[in-house]
Amino acid sequence: MKKEFIVNRQGKEFVLYAGLLDQAHREGLKRITTTLVQAPTDLNGQLAICAAEVETEKGVFCGIGDASPENVGRMIAVHTVRMAETRAKARALRDAINVGVTALEELGDLDEDTNGRIIPRRAPRPAVATTPSAVPSRPQAAESSDQREVGDNPFPATQQQIDRLHKLQAALGQPAMVSSNLTSEEAAARIADLVRRFNAQSREASRSQAR
């Protein structure tokens, strides 16, 4: 990995998506395929979830990425599908080229500058007392966005996801069973896995018919 694609934040190194893509091309990248598993709506908190498949000479590697106004900055909040896709591809690419360092785009405190470059989201400035007698207000306790993982998902699985899981399970000959505690991200991961199995089954059936 070229050093220009490695960034340091608070003493910890992260890799840029551009670097993962560059290295993957060097190692025989064949294709990248993405699927929108969940479109953002008001019912799911505007949470977009994408799945990605990366194929190289070593095999096929998969990744899931999500994005919502809760884990991106103001400038990216209207582009959550795009960010979810980037995060999914980044995770799949990291597995494909054996990079254990988290991609900068996977962090939950990102924003975009006027040139479209991904940058850390600026924290709001603390309130300043306007009179000498004013008592500085205590900052409200909030979850640190640096510590919050992109994969954190407080939203339950939607009815659309549950219905799709049931259909895929039926198509694969599996019992229609979905946990009532399933989150939307867990549902998205299961849907992506079942879709891969269904596609593989369909390809194998097509080969058998062609023989």
N, C-alpha and C. Protein backbone atom coordinates (compact mmCIF):
# COMPACT_ATOMS: atom_id res chain seq x y z
N MET A 1 0.85 -1.20 0.00
CA MET A 1 0.00 0.00 0.00
C MET A 1 0.89 1.25 0.00
N LYS A 2 0.62 2.17 -0.93
CA LYS A 2 1.41 3.39 -1.00
C LYS A 2 1.16 4.26 0.24
N LYS A 3 2.23 4.92 0.72
CA LYS A 3 2.12 5.74 1.92
C LYS A 3 1.15 6.91 1.76
N GLU A 4 0.99 7.36 0.53
CA GLU A 4 0.09 8.51 0.30
C GLU A 4 -1.36 8.17 0.61
N PHE A 5 -1.68 6.87 0.71
CA PHE A 5 -3.04 6.44 0.98
C PHE A 5 -3.25 6.09 2.46
N ILE A 6 -2.25 6.33 3.29
CA ILE A 6 -2.34 6.07 4.72
C ILE A 6 -2.45 7.40 5.46
N VAL A 7 -3.45 7.54 6.31
CA VAL A 7 -3.62 8.77 7.08
C VAL A 7 -3.57 8.43 8.57
N ASN A 8 -3.15 9.42 9.35
CA ASN A 8 -3.05 9.23 10.80
C ASN A 8 -4.03 10.15 11.49
N ARG A 9 -4.85 9.56 12.35
CA ARG A 9 -5.80 10.34 13.13
C ARG A 9 -5.66 9.97 14.59
N GLN A 10 -5.27 10.96 15.39
CA GLN A 10 -5.12 10.77 16.83
C GLN A 10 -4.24 9.57 17.16
N GLY A 11 -3.15 9.45 16.41
CA GLY A 11 -2.17 8.40 16.66
C GLY A 11 -2.53 7.04 16.08
N LYS A 12 -3.62 6.95 15.34
CA LYS A 12 -4.04 5.67 14.76
C LYS A 12 -4.08 5.79 13.24
N GLU A 13 -3.59 4.76 12.56
CA GLU A 13 -3.53 4.80 11.10
C GLU A 13 -4.79 4.25 10.46
N PHE A 14 -5.21 4.90 9.35
CA PHE A 14 -6.35 4.46 8.56
C PHE A 14 -5.94 4.49 7.09
N VAL A 15 -6.60 3.67 6.31
CA VAL A 15 -6.32 3.63 4.88
C VAL A 15 -7.46 4.30 4.13
N LEU A 16 -7.14 4.94 3.02
CA LEU A 16 -8.16 5.58 2.19
C LEU A 16 -8.74 4.56 1.21
N TYR A 17 -10.02 4.73 0.88
CA TYR A 17 -10.67 3.84 -0.09
C TYR A 17 -9.91 3.86 -1.42
N ALA A 18 -9.43 5.04 -1.81
CA ALA A 18 -8.68 5.15 -3.07
C ALA A 18 -7.46 4.25 -3.05
N GLY A 19 -6.84 4.10 -1.88
CA GLY A 19 -5.67 3.24 -1.75
C GLY A 19 -6.03 1.77 -1.87
N LEU A 20 -7.16 1.39 -1.28
CA LEU A 20 -7.62 0.01 -1.38
C LEU A 20 -7.90 -0.35 -2.83
N LEU A 21 -8.56 0.56 -3.54
CA LEU A 21 -8.90 0.32 -4.94
C LEU A 21 -7.63 0.23 -5.79
N ASP A 22 -6.69 1.13 -5.53
CA ASP A 22 -5.43 1.13 -6.28
C ASP A 22 -4.68 -0.19 -6.08
N GLN A 23 -4.60 -0.64 -4.84
CA GLN A 23 -3.88 -1.88 -4.55
C GLN A 23 -4.60 -3.09 -5.13
N ALA A 24 -5.94 -3.05 -5.11
CA ALA A 24 -6.71 -4.17 -5.66
C ALA A 24 -6.46 -4.31 -7.17
N HIS A 25 -6.37 -3.19 -7.87
CA HIS A 25 -6.07 -3.24 -9.30
C HIS A 25 -4.68 -3.83 -9.53
N ARG A 26 -3.76 -3.52 -8.64
CA ARG A 26 -2.40 -4.05 -8.77
C ARG A 26 -2.38 -5.56 -8.54
N GLU A 27 -3.36 -6.05 -7.76
CA GLU A 27 -3.40 -7.48 -7.42
C GLU A 27 -4.40 -8.26 -8.25
N GLY A 28 -4.82 -7.70 -9.38
CA GLY A 28 -5.68 -8.45 -10.29
C GLY A 28 -7.17 -8.34 -10.03
N LEU A 29 -7.64 -7.14 -9.72
CA LEU A 29 -9.07 -6.94 -9.51
C LEU A 29 -9.83 -7.26 -10.78
N LYS A 30 -10.87 -8.10 -10.67
CA LYS A 30 -11.68 -8.49 -11.82
C LYS A 30 -13.00 -7.73 -11.87
N ARG A 31 -13.65 -7.57 -10.73
CA ARG A 31 -14.93 -6.87 -10.72
C ARG A 31 -15.29 -6.44 -9.31
N ILE A 32 -16.18 -5.43 -9.24
CA ILE A 32 -16.81 -5.02 -7.99
C ILE A 32 -18.30 -4.89 -8.29
N THR A 33 -19.11 -5.62 -7.55
CA THR A 33 -20.56 -5.58 -7.73
C THR A 33 -21.21 -5.14 -6.43
N THR A 34 -22.14 -4.20 -6.52
CA THR A 34 -22.82 -3.72 -5.31
C THR A 34 -24.33 -3.89 -5.44
N THR A 35 -24.98 -4.06 -4.30
CA THR A 35 -26.44 -4.20 -4.25
C THR A 35 -26.97 -3.33 -3.12
N LEU A 36 -28.01 -2.57 -3.41
CA LEU A 36 -28.68 -1.78 -2.38
C LEU A 36 -29.62 -2.71 -1.64
N VAL A 37 -29.24 -3.08 -0.43
CA VAL A 37 -30.03 -4.01 0.38
C VAL A 37 -31.20 -3.30 1.04
N GLN A 38 -30.97 -2.08 1.50
CA GLN A 38 -32.05 -1.31 2.13
C GLN A 38 -31.94 0.15 1.73
N ALA A 39 -33.02 0.67 1.15
CA ALA A 39 -33.07 2.09 0.80
C ALA A 39 -33.44 2.91 2.03
N PRO A 40 -32.88 4.10 2.18
CA PRO A 40 -33.21 4.92 3.35
C PRO A 40 -34.62 5.48 3.28
N THR A 41 -35.36 5.34 4.37
CA THR A 41 -36.71 5.89 4.47
C THR A 41 -36.90 6.46 5.87
N ASP A 42 -37.99 7.15 6.07
CA ASP A 42 -38.30 7.68 7.40
C ASP A 42 -38.54 6.56 8.40
N LEU A 43 -39.07 5.43 7.93
CA LEU A 43 -39.37 4.31 8.83
C LEU A 43 -38.13 3.64 9.39
N ASN A 44 -37.02 3.68 8.64
CA ASN A 44 -35.79 3.04 9.14
C ASN A 44 -34.72 4.06 9.55
N GLY A 45 -35.16 5.30 9.80
CA GLY A 45 -34.19 6.31 10.24
C GLY A 45 -33.25 6.77 9.16
N GLN A 46 -33.68 6.68 7.88
CA GLN A 46 -32.85 7.06 6.73
C GLN A 46 -31.55 6.25 6.68
N LEU A 47 -31.64 4.99 7.08
CA LEU A 47 -30.48 4.11 7.08
C LEU A 47 -30.36 3.37 5.76
N ALA A 48 -29.29 3.63 5.03
CA ALA A 48 -29.02 2.94 3.76
C ALA A 48 -28.03 1.80 4.03
N ILE A 49 -28.31 0.63 3.45
CA ILE A 49 -27.42 -0.52 3.63
C ILE A 49 -27.11 -1.10 2.26
N CYS A 50 -25.83 -1.30 1.99
CA CYS A 50 -25.38 -1.86 0.71
C CYS A 50 -24.51 -3.08 0.95
N ALA A 51 -24.53 -3.99 0.00
CA ALA A 51 -23.65 -5.16 0.01
C ALA A 51 -22.72 -5.05 -1.20
N ALA A 52 -21.50 -5.52 -1.03
CA ALA A 52 -20.53 -5.46 -2.13
C ALA A 52 -19.82 -6.80 -2.29
N GLU A 53 -19.54 -7.15 -3.52
CA GLU A 53 -18.74 -8.33 -3.84
C GLU A 53 -17.53 -7.89 -4.65
N VAL A 54 -16.38 -8.34 -4.25
CA VAL A 54 -15.14 -8.03 -4.94
C VAL A 54 -14.52 -9.34 -5.41
N GLU A 55 -14.22 -9.43 -6.68
CA GLU A 55 -13.58 -10.62 -7.21
C GLU A 55 -12.18 -10.31 -7.69
N THR A 56 -11.22 -11.08 -7.19
CA THR A 56 -9.83 -10.96 -7.62
C THR A 56 -9.36 -12.35 -8.04
N GLU A 57 -8.10 -12.46 -8.36
CA GLU A 57 -7.55 -13.76 -8.73
C GLU A 57 -7.54 -14.72 -7.55
N LYS A 58 -7.71 -14.18 -6.32
CA LYS A 58 -7.72 -15.03 -5.12
C LYS A 58 -9.10 -15.58 -4.82
N GLY A 59 -10.16 -14.98 -5.38
CA GLY A 59 -11.51 -15.44 -5.09
C GLY A 59 -12.49 -14.28 -4.98
N VAL A 60 -13.63 -14.56 -4.34
CA VAL A 60 -14.69 -13.56 -4.17
C VAL A 60 -14.79 -13.17 -2.70
N PHE A 61 -14.86 -11.88 -2.45
CA PHE A 61 -14.90 -11.36 -1.08
C PHE A 61 -16.09 -10.40 -0.94
N CYS A 62 -16.74 -10.44 0.21
CA CYS A 62 -17.98 -9.68 0.40
C CYS A 62 -17.86 -8.71 1.57
N GLY A 63 -18.70 -7.67 1.52
CA GLY A 63 -18.72 -6.69 2.60
C GLY A 63 -20.08 -6.02 2.68
N ILE A 64 -20.44 -5.57 3.88
CA ILE A 64 -21.70 -4.86 4.11
C ILE A 64 -21.35 -3.47 4.65
N GLY A 65 -22.03 -2.45 4.14
CA GLY A 65 -21.79 -1.08 4.62
C GLY A 65 -23.11 -0.37 4.86
N ASP A 66 -23.15 0.49 5.87
CA ASP A 66 -24.37 1.26 6.13
C ASP A 66 -24.02 2.72 6.35
N ALA A 67 -25.00 3.57 6.15
CA ALA A 67 -24.81 5.01 6.37
C ALA A 67 -26.17 5.63 6.69
N SER A 68 -26.17 6.55 7.63
CA SER A 68 -27.38 7.27 8.01
C SER A 68 -26.96 8.65 8.49
N PRO A 69 -27.90 9.56 8.66
CA PRO A 69 -27.53 10.89 9.18
C PRO A 69 -26.86 10.82 10.55
N GLU A 70 -27.01 9.68 11.24
CA GLU A 70 -26.40 9.53 12.56
C GLU A 70 -24.91 9.25 12.50
N ASN A 71 -24.43 8.70 11.38
CA ASN A 71 -23.00 8.35 11.34
C ASN A 71 -22.25 8.97 10.16
N VAL A 72 -22.81 10.07 9.64
CA VAL A 72 -22.10 10.86 8.63
C VAL A 72 -22.32 12.34 8.92
N GLY A 73 -21.56 13.19 8.28
CA GLY A 73 -21.70 14.62 8.48
C GLY A 73 -22.84 15.23 7.68
N ARG A 74 -23.07 16.51 7.90
CA ARG A 74 -24.19 17.21 7.28
C ARG A 74 -24.11 17.18 5.76
N MET A 75 -22.91 17.32 5.20
CA MET A 75 -22.77 17.36 3.75
C MET A 75 -23.03 16.00 3.10
N ILE A 76 -22.81 14.91 3.85
CA ILE A 76 -22.98 13.57 3.29
C ILE A 76 -24.36 13.01 3.62
N ALA A 77 -25.07 13.65 4.55
CA ALA A 77 -26.36 13.12 5.02
C ALA A 77 -27.36 12.91 3.89
N VAL A 78 -27.24 13.68 2.82
CA VAL A 78 -28.16 13.53 1.68
C VAL A 78 -27.63 12.52 0.67
N HIS A 79 -26.48 11.92 0.95
CA HIS A 79 -25.88 10.95 0.03
C HIS A 79 -25.57 9.65 0.77
N THR A 80 -26.48 9.20 1.62
CA THR A 80 -26.21 8.02 2.44
C THR A 80 -26.06 6.75 1.62
N VAL A 81 -26.77 6.63 0.52
CA VAL A 81 -26.64 5.43 -0.32
C VAL A 81 -25.23 5.35 -0.89
N ARG A 82 -24.73 6.48 -1.36
CA ARG A 82 -23.38 6.51 -1.91
C ARG A 82 -22.34 6.14 -0.85
N MET A 83 -22.50 6.67 0.36
CA MET A 83 -21.54 6.37 1.42
C MET A 83 -21.64 4.92 1.86
N ALA A 84 -22.88 4.39 1.95
CA ALA A 84 -23.05 2.99 2.32
C ALA A 84 -22.37 2.08 1.30
N GLU A 85 -22.48 2.43 0.03
CA GLU A 85 -21.84 1.64 -1.02
C GLU A 85 -20.32 1.70 -0.90
N THR A 86 -19.79 2.90 -0.65
CA THR A 86 -18.35 3.06 -0.49
C THR A 86 -17.84 2.24 0.68
N ARG A 87 -18.57 2.27 1.79
CA ARG A 87 -18.16 1.50 2.98
C ARG A 87 -18.21 0.00 2.72
N ALA A 88 -19.25 -0.45 2.00
CA ALA A 88 -19.34 -1.87 1.68
C ALA A 88 -18.17 -2.30 0.79
N LYS A 89 -17.86 -1.50 -0.21
CA LYS A 89 -16.75 -1.83 -1.11
C LYS A 89 -15.42 -1.80 -0.36
N ALA A 90 -15.28 -0.84 0.55
CA ALA A 90 -14.03 -0.74 1.31
C ALA A 90 -13.81 -2.00 2.15
N ARG A 91 -14.87 -2.48 2.79
CA ARG A 91 -14.73 -3.68 3.62
C ARG A 91 -14.42 -4.91 2.79
N ALA A 92 -15.07 -5.02 1.63
CA ALA A 92 -14.80 -6.16 0.76
C ALA A 92 -13.38 -6.09 0.20
N LEU A 93 -12.95 -4.91 -0.18
CA LEU A 93 -11.60 -4.73 -0.71
C LEU A 93 -10.54 -5.03 0.35
N ARG A 94 -10.81 -4.64 1.59
CA ARG A 94 -9.83 -4.91 2.66
C ARG A 94 -9.61 -6.40 2.83
N ASP A 95 -10.70 -7.18 2.76
CA ASP A 95 -10.57 -8.64 2.85
C ASP A 95 -9.85 -9.19 1.62
N ALA A 96 -10.16 -8.63 0.47
CA ALA A 96 -9.59 -9.15 -0.77
C ALA A 96 -8.08 -8.99 -0.83
N ILE A 97 -7.58 -7.87 -0.32
CA ILE A 97 -6.13 -7.62 -0.42
C ILE A 97 -5.43 -7.74 0.93
N ASN A 98 -6.16 -8.30 1.91
CA ASN A 98 -5.59 -8.61 3.22
C ASN A 98 -5.06 -7.36 3.93
N VAL A 99 -5.94 -6.38 4.08
CA VAL A 99 -5.60 -5.15 4.81
C VAL A 99 -6.44 -5.10 6.09
N GLY A 100 -5.77 -5.15 7.23
CA GLY A 100 -6.49 -5.15 8.50
C GLY A 100 -6.77 -3.76 9.03
N VAL A 101 -6.20 -2.74 8.41
CA VAL A 101 -6.40 -1.36 8.86
C VAL A 101 -7.75 -0.86 8.39
N THR A 102 -8.51 -0.25 9.27
CA THR A 102 -9.83 0.27 8.93
C THR A 102 -9.72 1.40 7.90
N ALA A 103 -10.65 1.43 6.96
CA ALA A 103 -10.68 2.52 5.98
C ALA A 103 -11.23 3.78 6.63
N LEU A 104 -10.70 4.92 6.25
CA LEU A 104 -11.17 6.19 6.81
C LEU A 104 -12.67 6.36 6.55
N GLU A 105 -13.12 5.92 5.39
CA GLU A 105 -14.53 6.09 5.01
C GLU A 105 -15.47 5.26 5.88
N GLU A 106 -14.93 4.30 6.64
CA GLU A 106 -15.76 3.48 7.51
C GLU A 106 -16.08 4.16 8.83
N LEU A 107 -15.38 5.22 9.16
CA LEU A 107 -15.58 5.90 10.43
C LEU A 107 -16.92 6.63 10.44
N GLY A 108 -17.43 6.86 11.64
CA GLY A 108 -18.74 7.47 11.78
C GLY A 108 -18.74 8.96 11.98
N ASP A 109 -17.62 9.63 11.79
CA ASP A 109 -17.58 11.08 12.04
C ASP A 109 -17.01 11.82 10.84
N LEU A 110 -17.50 11.44 9.65
CA LEU A 110 -16.96 12.01 8.42
C LEU A 110 -17.88 13.06 7.83
N ASP A 111 -17.28 13.95 7.05
CA ASP A 111 -18.04 14.93 6.30
C ASP A 111 -17.36 15.09 4.95
N GLU A 112 -17.85 16.02 4.16
CA GLU A 112 -17.31 16.23 2.83
C GLU A 112 -17.04 17.71 2.65
N ASP A 113 -15.87 18.05 2.07
CA ASP A 113 -15.59 19.46 1.84
C ASP A 113 -16.18 19.89 0.50
N THR A 114 -15.96 21.14 0.13
CA THR A 114 -16.56 21.67 -1.09
C THR A 114 -16.01 21.03 -2.36
N ASN A 115 -14.87 20.35 -2.23
CA ASN A 115 -14.27 19.67 -3.39
C ASN A 115 -14.64 18.20 -3.46
N GLY A 116 -15.54 17.78 -2.55
CA GLY A 116 -15.97 16.39 -2.56
C GLY A 116 -15.03 15.44 -1.86
N ARG A 117 -14.04 15.96 -1.14
CA ARG A 117 -13.09 15.11 -0.43
C ARG A 117 -13.64 14.76 0.94
N ILE A 118 -13.42 13.50 1.37
CA ILE A 118 -13.88 13.06 2.67
C ILE A 118 -12.95 13.61 3.74
N ILE A 119 -13.52 14.24 4.76
CA ILE A 119 -12.74 14.84 5.84
C ILE A 119 -13.42 14.53 7.17
N PRO A 120 -12.68 14.60 8.29
CA PRO A 120 -13.30 14.40 9.61
C PRO A 120 -14.33 15.49 9.88
N ARG A 121 -15.42 15.11 10.51
CA ARG A 121 -16.46 16.08 10.84
C ARG A 121 -16.00 16.95 12.00
N ARG A 122 -16.19 18.25 11.87
CA ARG A 122 -15.79 19.16 12.93
C ARG A 122 -16.77 19.12 14.09
N ALA A 123 -16.22 19.08 15.30
CA ALA A 123 -17.08 19.10 16.48
C ALA A 123 -17.60 20.51 16.69
N PRO A 124 -18.85 20.67 17.18
CA PRO A 124 -19.37 22.01 17.41
C PRO A 124 -18.59 22.73 18.50
N ARG A 125 -18.42 24.04 18.32
CA ARG A 125 -17.70 24.81 19.31
C ARG A 125 -18.52 24.96 20.58
N PRO A 126 -17.86 24.89 21.77
CA PRO A 126 -18.60 25.05 23.02
C PRO A 126 -19.13 26.47 23.17
N ALA A 127 -20.25 26.61 23.86
CA ALA A 127 -20.84 27.93 24.07
C ALA A 127 -19.91 28.78 24.93
N VAL A 128 -19.83 30.08 24.60
CA VAL A 128 -18.96 31.00 25.34
C VAL A 128 -19.84 31.93 26.16
N ALA A 129 -19.50 32.09 27.45
CA ALA A 129 -20.26 32.96 28.32
C ALA A 129 -20.16 34.40 27.84
N THR A 130 -21.28 35.12 27.83
CA THR A 130 -21.29 36.50 27.34
C THR A 130 -21.11 37.53 28.45
N THR A 131 -21.27 37.12 29.71
CA THR A 131 -21.09 38.05 30.83
C THR A 131 -20.19 37.40 31.87
N PRO A 132 -19.45 38.20 32.65
CA PRO A 132 -18.55 37.63 33.66
C PRO A 132 -19.29 36.80 34.69
N SER A 133 -20.56 37.12 34.95
CA SER A 133 -21.29 36.41 36.00
C SER A 133 -21.89 35.11 35.50
N ALA A 134 -21.86 34.93 34.17
CA ALA A 134 -22.47 33.72 33.62
C ALA A 134 -21.66 32.50 33.98
N VAL A 135 -22.35 31.44 34.29
CA VAL A 135 -21.68 30.19 34.64
C VAL A 135 -21.59 29.32 33.39
N PRO A 136 -20.39 28.91 33.02
CA PRO A 136 -20.26 28.07 31.81
C PRO A 136 -21.12 26.82 31.94
N SER A 137 -21.83 26.53 30.89
CA SER A 137 -22.69 25.35 30.93
C SER A 137 -21.86 24.09 30.78
N ARG A 138 -22.29 23.06 31.49
CA ARG A 138 -21.58 21.78 31.41
C ARG A 138 -21.94 21.10 30.10
N PRO A 139 -20.93 20.65 29.33
CA PRO A 139 -21.24 19.98 28.07
C PRO A 139 -22.12 18.76 28.30
N GLN A 140 -23.10 18.60 27.46
CA GLN A 140 -23.99 17.47 27.59
C GLN A 140 -23.26 16.19 27.24
N ALA A 141 -23.58 15.14 27.99
CA ALA A 141 -22.95 13.85 27.74
C ALA A 141 -23.46 13.32 26.41
N ALA A 142 -22.53 12.91 25.57
CA ALA A 142 -22.92 12.38 24.26
C ALA A 142 -21.95 11.29 23.88
N GLU A 143 -22.42 10.38 23.11
CA GLU A 143 -21.56 9.29 22.64
C GLU A 143 -20.53 9.84 21.69
N SER A 144 -19.27 9.52 21.91
CA SER A 144 -18.21 10.00 21.04
C SER A 144 -18.34 9.36 19.68
N SER A 145 -18.35 10.20 18.64
CA SER A 145 -18.47 9.65 17.29
C SER A 145 -17.23 8.89 16.89
N ASP A 146 -16.07 9.20 17.54
CA ASP A 146 -14.85 8.46 17.23
C ASP A 146 -14.96 7.02 17.73
N GLN A 147 -15.73 6.84 18.85
CA GLN A 147 -15.83 5.52 19.44
C GLN A 147 -16.99 4.73 18.86
N ARG A 148 -17.94 5.42 18.22
CA ARG A 148 -19.10 4.74 17.68
C ARG A 148 -18.71 4.02 16.40
N GLU A 149 -19.00 2.76 16.32
CA GLU A 149 -18.67 1.98 15.13
C GLU A 149 -19.73 2.22 14.06
N VAL A 150 -19.28 2.15 12.81
CA VAL A 150 -20.20 2.33 11.70
C VAL A 150 -21.29 1.27 11.72
N GLY A 151 -20.94 0.07 12.18
CA GLY A 151 -21.91 -1.02 12.17
C GLY A 151 -22.99 -0.91 13.22
N ASP A 152 -22.89 0.02 14.20
CA ASP A 152 -23.91 0.16 15.22
C ASP A 152 -25.24 0.49 14.56
N ASN A 153 -26.27 -0.26 14.92
CA ASN A 153 -27.55 -0.07 14.26
C ASN A 153 -28.68 -0.24 15.27
N PRO A 154 -29.28 0.86 15.73
CA PRO A 154 -30.34 0.77 16.73
C PRO A 154 -31.70 0.46 16.13
N PHE A 155 -31.79 0.29 14.81
CA PHE A 155 -33.08 0.14 14.17
C PHE A 155 -33.42 -1.34 13.96
N PRO A 156 -34.67 -1.74 14.28
CA PRO A 156 -35.08 -3.13 14.07
C PRO A 156 -35.27 -3.42 12.59
N ALA A 157 -35.28 -4.69 12.24
CA ALA A 157 -35.51 -5.09 10.85
C ALA A 157 -36.88 -4.61 10.40
N THR A 158 -36.95 -4.13 9.16
CA THR A 158 -38.21 -3.63 8.62
C THR A 158 -39.05 -4.81 8.13
N GLN A 159 -40.36 -4.57 7.95
CA GLN A 159 -41.24 -5.62 7.45
C GLN A 159 -40.82 -6.04 6.04
N GLN A 160 -40.32 -5.08 5.26
CA GLN A 160 -39.85 -5.39 3.91
C GLN A 160 -38.68 -6.37 3.97
N GLN A 161 -37.76 -6.15 4.91
CA GLN A 161 -36.62 -7.06 5.05
C GLN A 161 -37.08 -8.45 5.49
N ILE A 162 -38.01 -8.49 6.45
CA ILE A 162 -38.51 -9.77 6.94
C ILE A 162 -39.19 -10.54 5.82
N ASP A 163 -40.01 -9.84 5.03
CA ASP A 163 -40.69 -10.49 3.91
C ASP A 163 -39.68 -11.04 2.90
N ARG A 164 -38.64 -10.27 2.65
CA ARG A 164 -37.63 -10.71 1.69
C ARG A 164 -36.86 -11.92 2.22
N LEU A 165 -36.57 -11.92 3.52
CA LEU A 165 -35.90 -13.07 4.14
C LEU A 165 -36.76 -14.32 3.99
N HIS A 166 -38.06 -14.18 4.25
CA HIS A 166 -38.96 -15.33 4.13
C HIS A 166 -38.97 -15.87 2.70
N LYS A 167 -39.02 -14.98 1.72
CA LYS A 167 -39.04 -15.40 0.32
C LYS A 167 -37.74 -16.12 -0.06
N LEU A 168 -36.61 -15.58 0.38
CA LEU A 168 -35.33 -16.19 0.05
C LEU A 168 -35.18 -17.55 0.75
N GLN A 169 -35.63 -17.61 2.01
CA GLN A 169 -35.56 -18.89 2.73
C GLN A 169 -36.42 -19.94 2.04
N ALA A 170 -37.60 -19.54 1.58
CA ALA A 170 -38.48 -20.47 0.88
C ALA A 170 -37.86 -20.93 -0.44
N ALA A 171 -37.22 -19.99 -1.15
CA ALA A 171 -36.59 -20.32 -2.43
C ALA A 171 -35.44 -21.29 -2.26
N LEU A 172 -34.79 -21.24 -1.11
CA LEU A 172 -33.65 -22.12 -0.84
C LEU A 172 -34.06 -23.37 -0.08
N GLY A 173 -35.37 -23.52 0.16
CA GLY A 173 -35.85 -24.71 0.85
C GLY A 173 -35.60 -24.69 2.34
N GLN A 174 -35.44 -23.50 2.90
CA GLN A 174 -35.20 -23.37 4.34
C GLN A 174 -36.49 -22.97 5.05
N PRO A 175 -36.62 -23.30 6.35
CA PRO A 175 -37.80 -22.87 7.10
C PRO A 175 -37.82 -21.35 7.23
N ALA A 176 -39.00 -20.76 7.15
CA ALA A 176 -39.14 -19.30 7.25
C ALA A 176 -39.06 -18.90 8.72
N MET A 177 -37.85 -18.64 9.18
CA MET A 177 -37.64 -18.28 10.58
C MET A 177 -36.82 -17.00 10.66
N VAL A 178 -37.37 -15.99 11.35
CA VAL A 178 -36.68 -14.73 11.55
C VAL A 178 -36.85 -14.31 13.00
N SER A 179 -35.76 -14.03 13.67
CA SER A 179 -35.81 -13.63 15.07
C SER A 179 -36.51 -12.29 15.24
N SER A 180 -37.31 -12.15 16.29
CA SER A 180 -38.02 -10.89 16.56
C SER A 180 -37.07 -9.79 17.00
N ASN A 181 -35.85 -10.15 17.41
CA ASN A 181 -34.86 -9.18 17.87
C ASN A 181 -33.88 -8.79 16.76
N LEU A 182 -34.14 -9.22 15.55
CA LEU A 182 -33.22 -8.96 14.44
C LEU A 182 -33.16 -7.46 14.13
N THR A 183 -31.95 -6.92 14.00
CA THR A 183 -31.79 -5.52 13.62
C THR A 183 -31.75 -5.40 12.10
N SER A 184 -31.92 -4.18 11.62
CA SER A 184 -31.94 -3.98 10.17
C SER A 184 -30.60 -4.32 9.53
N GLU A 185 -29.51 -4.05 10.25
CA GLU A 185 -28.19 -4.38 9.67
C GLU A 185 -27.97 -5.89 9.64
N GLU A 186 -28.39 -6.58 10.71
CA GLU A 186 -28.28 -8.04 10.72
C GLU A 186 -29.14 -8.65 9.61
N ALA A 187 -30.33 -8.08 9.44
CA ALA A 187 -31.21 -8.57 8.37
C ALA A 187 -30.57 -8.34 7.01
N ALA A 188 -29.94 -7.19 6.83
CA ALA A 188 -29.28 -6.89 5.56
C ALA A 188 -28.16 -7.88 5.28
N ALA A 189 -27.40 -8.22 6.32
CA ALA A 189 -26.30 -9.17 6.14
C ALA A 189 -26.83 -10.55 5.77
N ARG A 190 -27.93 -10.95 6.40
CA ARG A 190 -28.52 -12.26 6.09
C ARG A 190 -29.11 -12.29 4.69
N ILE A 191 -29.76 -11.19 4.30
CA ILE A 191 -30.31 -11.11 2.95
C ILE A 191 -29.20 -11.22 1.91
N ALA A 192 -28.10 -10.50 2.14
CA ALA A 192 -26.97 -10.55 1.20
C ALA A 192 -26.42 -11.96 1.10
N ASP A 193 -26.33 -12.65 2.24
CA ASP A 193 -25.81 -14.02 2.25
C ASP A 193 -26.76 -14.97 1.50
N LEU A 194 -28.05 -14.82 1.75
CA LEU A 194 -29.02 -15.68 1.07
C LEU A 194 -29.08 -15.40 -0.43
N VAL A 195 -28.93 -14.14 -0.81
CA VAL A 195 -28.90 -13.78 -2.23
C VAL A 195 -27.71 -14.44 -2.91
N ARG A 196 -26.55 -14.42 -2.23
CA ARG A 196 -25.36 -15.07 -2.80
C ARG A 196 -25.60 -16.57 -2.97
N ARG A 197 -26.23 -17.19 -1.96
CA ARG A 197 -26.50 -18.63 -2.06
C ARG A 197 -27.48 -18.93 -3.18
N PHE A 198 -28.52 -18.10 -3.28
CA PHE A 198 -29.52 -18.30 -4.33
C PHE A 198 -28.90 -18.15 -5.72
N ASN A 199 -28.05 -17.11 -5.88
CA ASN A 199 -27.39 -16.90 -7.17
C ASN A 199 -26.47 -18.06 -7.52
N ALA A 200 -25.74 -18.55 -6.51
CA ALA A 200 -24.83 -19.68 -6.74
C ALA A 200 -25.63 -20.92 -7.13
N GLN A 201 -26.76 -21.12 -6.46
CA GLN A 201 -27.63 -22.27 -6.76
C GLN A 201 -28.18 -22.17 -8.18
N SER A 202 -28.58 -20.95 -8.57
CA SER A 202 -29.13 -20.74 -9.91
C SER A 202 -28.07 -20.98 -10.98
N ARG A 203 -26.83 -20.51 -10.72
CA ARG A 203 -25.75 -20.72 -11.69
C ARG A 203 -25.46 -22.20 -11.85
N GLU A 204 -25.46 -22.94 -10.73
CA GLU A 204 -25.17 -24.37 -10.78
C GLU A 204 -26.28 -25.11 -11.54
N ALA A 205 -27.53 -24.68 -11.33
CA ALA A 205 -28.64 -25.31 -12.04
C ALA A 205 -28.54 -25.05 -13.54
N SER A 206 -28.13 -23.83 -13.90
CA SER A 206 -27.98 -23.49 -15.33
C SER A 206 -26.89 -24.33 -15.97
N ARG A 207 -25.79 -24.53 -15.23
CA ARG A 207 -24.70 -25.36 -15.78
C ARG A 207 -25.16 -26.79 -15.98
N SER A 208 -25.94 -27.31 -15.04
CA SER A 208 -26.42 -28.69 -15.12
C SER A 208 -27.33 -28.88 -16.32
N GLN A 209 -28.18 -27.89 -16.60
CA GLN A 209 -29.09 -27.97 -17.74
C GLN A 209 -28.34 -27.89 -19.06
N ALA A 210 -27.21 -27.16 -19.04
CA ALA A 210 -26.44 -26.97 -20.28
C ALA A 210 -25.63 -28.22 -20.65
N ARG A 211 -25.43 -29.10 -19.68
CA ARG A 211 -24.61 -30.29 -19.95
C ARG A 211 -25.39 -31.33 -20.76
